[in-house]
Protein backbone atom coordinates (compact mmCIF):
# COMPACT_ATOMS: atom_id res chain seq x y z
CA MET A 1 4.47 2.19 8.62
CA ALA A 2 3.79 0.82 5.15
CA GLU A 3 6.31 1.49 2.42
CA LEU A 4 5.17 4.32 0.17
CA THR A 5 4.88 3.91 -3.56
CA PRO A 6 7.48 5.88 -5.52
CA ALA A 7 4.77 8.32 -6.65
CA ALA A 8 3.56 8.87 -3.07
CA LEU A 9 7.12 9.46 -1.86
CA LEU A 10 7.75 12.02 -4.59
CA GLN A 11 4.38 13.63 -3.88
CA ALA A 12 5.34 14.03 -0.21
CA ALA A 13 8.52 15.85 -1.22
CA ALA A 14 7.10 17.86 -4.12
CA ASP A 15 5.12 20.43 -2.17
CA PRO A 16 7.06 23.74 -2.26
CA VAL A 17 7.04 24.15 1.53
CA ARG A 18 8.17 20.58 2.12
CA TRP A 19 10.83 20.87 -0.58
CA ALA A 20 12.17 24.02 1.12
CA VAL A 21 12.28 22.16 4.45
CA LEU A 22 14.19 19.28 2.84
CA GLU A 23 16.66 21.74 1.29
CA ARG A 24 17.22 23.40 4.67
CA LEU A 25 17.72 20.04 6.39
CA ALA A 26 20.19 18.95 3.70
CA ALA A 27 22.64 21.38 5.32
CA GLY A 28 22.21 19.64 8.67
CA PRO A 29 19.73 19.12 11.50
CA ARG A 30 17.62 22.11 12.45
CA CYS A 31 15.45 23.14 15.35
CA VAL A 32 11.81 23.63 14.43
CA CYS A 33 12.27 27.27 15.49
CA ASP A 34 14.91 27.69 12.74
CA LEU A 35 12.65 26.07 10.17
CA GLN A 36 9.80 28.38 11.23
CA GLU A 37 12.00 31.47 10.74
CA HIS A 38 12.58 30.49 7.11
CA ALA A 39 9.13 29.15 6.29
CA ASP A 40 6.53 31.41 4.77
CA VAL A 41 3.68 29.56 6.51
CA SER A 42 2.05 29.53 9.93
CA SER A 43 3.48 27.28 12.64
CA THR A 44 0.38 25.09 12.40
CA LEU A 45 0.85 24.59 8.67
CA LEU A 46 4.59 23.96 9.10
CA SER A 47 3.75 21.26 11.68
CA TYR A 48 1.45 19.62 9.15
CA HIS A 49 4.18 19.62 6.48
CA LEU A 50 6.72 18.19 8.93
CA LYS A 51 4.23 15.46 9.84
CA VAL A 52 3.86 14.52 6.16
CA LEU A 53 7.64 14.34 5.78
CA ARG A 54 7.98 12.24 8.97
CA GLU A 55 5.23 9.85 7.87
CA ALA A 56 6.97 9.48 4.49
CA GLY A 57 10.17 8.58 6.33
CA LEU A 58 12.07 11.50 4.82
CA VAL A 59 12.83 13.29 8.09
CA THR A 60 13.39 12.27 11.68
CA SER A 61 12.64 14.25 14.80
CA SER A 62 14.02 14.31 18.33
CA ARG A 63 12.92 16.28 21.35
CA ARG A 64 15.39 18.57 23.11
CA GLY A 65 13.61 20.07 26.08
CA ARG A 66 10.69 22.00 24.69
CA TRP A 67 12.20 22.14 21.19
CA ILE A 68 12.01 19.56 18.46
CA ASP A 69 14.99 19.05 16.16
CA TYR A 70 14.52 17.69 12.64
CA ALA A 71 17.03 15.99 10.36
CA LEU A 72 16.95 14.29 7.00
CA ALA A 73 16.51 10.56 7.33
CA THR A 74 19.77 8.79 6.51
CA ASP A 75 18.21 7.13 3.46
CA ALA A 76 16.10 10.08 2.28
CA SER A 77 18.20 11.04 -0.74
CA SER A 78 18.66 7.45 -1.92
CA ARG A 79 14.93 6.72 -1.54
CA LEU A 80 13.99 9.85 -3.48
CA ALA A 81 16.53 9.07 -6.21
CA ALA A 82 15.25 5.49 -6.46
CA ALA A 83 11.67 6.78 -6.79
CA LEU A 84 12.47 8.80 -9.90
CA PRO A 85 11.42 7.15 -13.14
CA VAL A 86 14.64 7.02 -15.14
CA SER A 87 15.51 5.13 -18.23
CA ARG A 88 17.55 2.00 -17.55
CA ALA A 89 19.76 2.98 -20.51
CA LEU A 90 20.51 6.32 -18.83
CA VAL A 91 21.47 4.64 -15.56
CA GLU A 92 23.68 2.10 -17.33
CA ALA A 93 25.38 4.84 -19.38
CA THR A 94 26.31 6.86 -16.28
CA PRO A 95 29.89 6.13 -15.19
């Protein structure tokens, strides 16, 4: 998988459905059934959004029987933070 540009990484996370999934996974790994209960989209559309997040390297998935569990990738938050365009002066001024 090719490394995404910062803009492409942020675009993958910026969709409201995908952002909600990332927020839910920030609390810990979740079964796709749990994500579906809290998503306001069809299961087909949720699968598409999860695919986008997987391809961006922001989430990981593992099969447990007939269920699929999702988790934030270990480097997801640092990659998203690094993708943000911030002023070098702001970063240097932060203790």
